[in-house]
Each structure stands twice: as C-alpha cells, then as structure tokens.
C-alpha cells in the first residue's frame, strides 16, 4: 500500500503525468523481470497475471455492486 501522501500526490497529477510515471517504471523494471532462468521468468509472469486477474475481478465486483444500487 502506498503512503497517504504519495496517494494524494498521484491524485493531484494529470492522467498524462501518471502515465509518464507508469511508462518510466515499466521501462526501468522490464530488464529485471526478464532476468534469470526461463522457469523463474515464467513464475514471475504467473504472479503478475494472477494479481492482474484478482484486480480485474475486484473492479468488476465493485461495478456490479454499483449497478445493483
């Protein structure tokens, strides 16, 4: 979880500023993500996919709750 001050700073940014940060972080971290034996790399991607699926599921549940209200 991010520090409340960091979250507030992100909220004050424009979408393009947040996208710029996201792309910079992706560019910086991609080499480390792909480092190591194929089994390790595959495991990292499995974790990323699982986290993404869980996040998407929670968002869809939230959207469904707001539709019911």
C-alpha atoms as a PDB file:
ATOM      1  CA  UNK A   1       0.000   0.000   0.000  1.00  0.00           C
ATOM      2  CA  UNK A   2       1.230   3.450  -0.827  1.00  0.00           C
ATOM      3  CA  UNK A   3       1.794   6.126   1.771  1.00  0.00           C
ATOM      4  CA  UNK A   4      -1.189   8.545   2.042  1.00  0.00           C
ATOM      5  CA  UNK A   5       0.997  11.486   0.957  1.00  0.00           C
ATOM      6  CA  UNK A   6       2.071   9.584  -2.152  1.00  0.00           C
ATOM      7  CA  UNK A   7      -1.537   8.728  -2.968  1.00  0.00           C
ATOM      8  CA  UNK A   8      -2.534  12.365  -2.594  1.00  0.00           C
ATOM      9  CA  UNK A   9       0.309  13.451  -4.891  1.00  0.00           C
ATOM     10  CA  UNK A  10      -0.876  10.935  -7.522  1.00  0.00           C
ATOM     11  CA  UNK A  11      -4.453  12.198  -7.236  1.00  0.00           C
ATOM     12  CA  UNK A  12      -3.272  15.725  -7.993  1.00  0.00           C
ATOM     13  CA  UNK A  13      -1.448  14.608 -11.163  1.00  0.00           C
ATOM     14  CA  UNK A  14      -2.954  14.723 -14.598  1.00  0.00           C
ATOM     15  CA  UNK A  15      -3.589  11.411 -16.362  1.00  0.00           C
ATOM     16  CA  UNK A  16      -0.655  12.108 -18.688  1.00  0.00           C
ATOM     17  CA  UNK A  17       1.671  12.658 -15.708  1.00  0.00           C
ATOM     18  CA  UNK A  18       0.593   9.359 -14.157  1.00  0.00           C
ATOM     19  CA  UNK A  19       1.020   7.580 -17.487  1.00  0.00           C
ATOM     20  CA  UNK A  20       4.527   9.010 -17.836  1.00  0.00           C
ATOM     21  CA  UNK A  21       5.477   7.620 -14.416  1.00  0.00           C
ATOM     22  CA  UNK A  22       3.958   4.238 -15.283  1.00  0.00           C
ATOM     23  CA  UNK A  23       5.880   4.011 -18.551  1.00  0.00           C
ATOM     24  CA  UNK A  24       9.155   5.038 -16.874  1.00  0.00           C
ATOM     25  CA  UNK A  25       8.701   2.393 -14.170  1.00  0.00           C
ATOM     26  CA  UNK A  26       7.869  -0.238 -16.781  1.00  0.00           C
ATOM     27  CA  UNK A  27      10.934   0.653 -18.830  1.00  0.00           C
ATOM     28  CA  UNK A  28      13.193   0.556 -15.751  1.00  0.00           C
ATOM     29  CA  UNK A  29      11.860  -2.730 -14.369  1.00  0.00           C
ATOM     30  CA  UNK A  30      11.464  -4.804 -17.538  1.00  0.00           C
ATOM     31  CA  UNK A  31      15.113  -5.948 -17.679  1.00  0.00           C
ATOM     32  CA  UNK A  32      14.893  -7.314 -14.121  1.00  0.00           C
ATOM     33  CA  UNK A  33      11.582  -9.016 -14.881  1.00  0.00           C
ATOM     34  CA  UNK A  34      13.168 -10.921 -17.761  1.00  0.00           C
ATOM     35  CA  UNK A  35      16.371 -11.802 -15.879  1.00  0.00           C
ATOM     36  CA  UNK A  36      17.177 -15.371 -14.887  1.00  0.00           C
ATOM     37  CA  UNK A  37      16.280 -18.891 -15.985  1.00  0.00           C
ATOM     38  CA  UNK A  38      13.082 -19.423 -18.009  1.00  0.00           C
ATOM     39  CA  UNK A  39      11.353 -21.127 -15.044  1.00  0.00           C
ATOM     40  CA  UNK A  40      11.893 -18.079 -12.823  1.00  0.00           C
ATOM     41  CA  UNK A  41      10.735 -15.679 -15.543  1.00  0.00           C
ATOM     42  CA  UNK A  42       7.620 -17.797 -16.136  1.00  0.00           C
ATOM     43  CA  UNK A  43       6.867 -17.815 -12.400  1.00  0.00           C
ATOM     44  CA  UNK A  44       7.155 -14.020 -12.248  1.00  0.00           C
ATOM     45  CA  UNK A  45       4.697 -13.663 -15.101  1.00  0.00           C
ATOM     46  CA  UNK A  46       2.312 -16.147 -13.467  1.00  0.00           C
ATOM     47  CA  UNK A  47       2.281 -13.962 -10.352  1.00  0.00           C
ATOM     48  CA  UNK A  48       1.698 -10.818 -12.423  1.00  0.00           C
ATOM     49  CA  UNK A  49      -1.166 -12.452 -14.321  1.00  0.00           C
ATOM     50  CA  UNK A  50      -2.751 -13.726 -11.106  1.00  0.00           C
ATOM     51  CA  UNK A  51      -2.513 -10.282  -9.482  1.00  0.00           C
ATOM     52  CA  UNK A  52      -3.993  -8.662 -12.581  1.00  0.00           C
ATOM     53  CA  UNK A  53      -6.851 -11.180 -12.688  1.00  0.00           C
ATOM     54  CA  UNK A  54      -7.607 -10.569  -8.994  1.00  0.00           C
ATOM     55  CA  UNK A  55      -7.574  -6.793  -9.513  1.00  0.00           C
ATOM     56  CA  UNK A  56      -9.877  -7.068 -12.518  1.00  0.00           C
ATOM     57  CA  UNK A  57     -12.231  -9.344 -10.575  1.00  0.00           C
ATOM     58  CA  UNK A  58     -12.459  -6.854  -7.690  1.00  0.00           C
ATOM     59  CA  UNK A  59     -13.147  -3.993 -10.105  1.00  0.00           C
ATOM     60  CA  UNK A  60     -15.918  -5.958 -11.827  1.00  0.00           C
ATOM     61  CA  UNK A  61     -17.450  -6.865  -8.461  1.00  0.00           C
ATOM     62  CA  UNK A  62     -17.414  -3.198  -7.469  1.00  0.00           C
ATOM     63  CA  UNK A  63     -19.048  -2.187 -10.734  1.00  0.00           C
ATOM     64  CA  UNK A  64     -21.712  -4.868 -10.275  1.00  0.00           C
ATOM     65  CA  UNK A  65     -22.460  -3.595  -6.747  1.00  0.00           C
ATOM     66  CA  UNK A  66     -22.932  -0.028  -8.001  1.00  0.00           C
ATOM     67  CA  UNK A  67     -25.326  -1.228 -10.712  1.00  0.00           C
ATOM     68  CA  UNK A  68     -27.472  -3.008  -8.125  1.00  0.00           C
ATOM     69  CA  UNK A  69     -27.776   0.164  -6.018  1.00  0.00           C
END
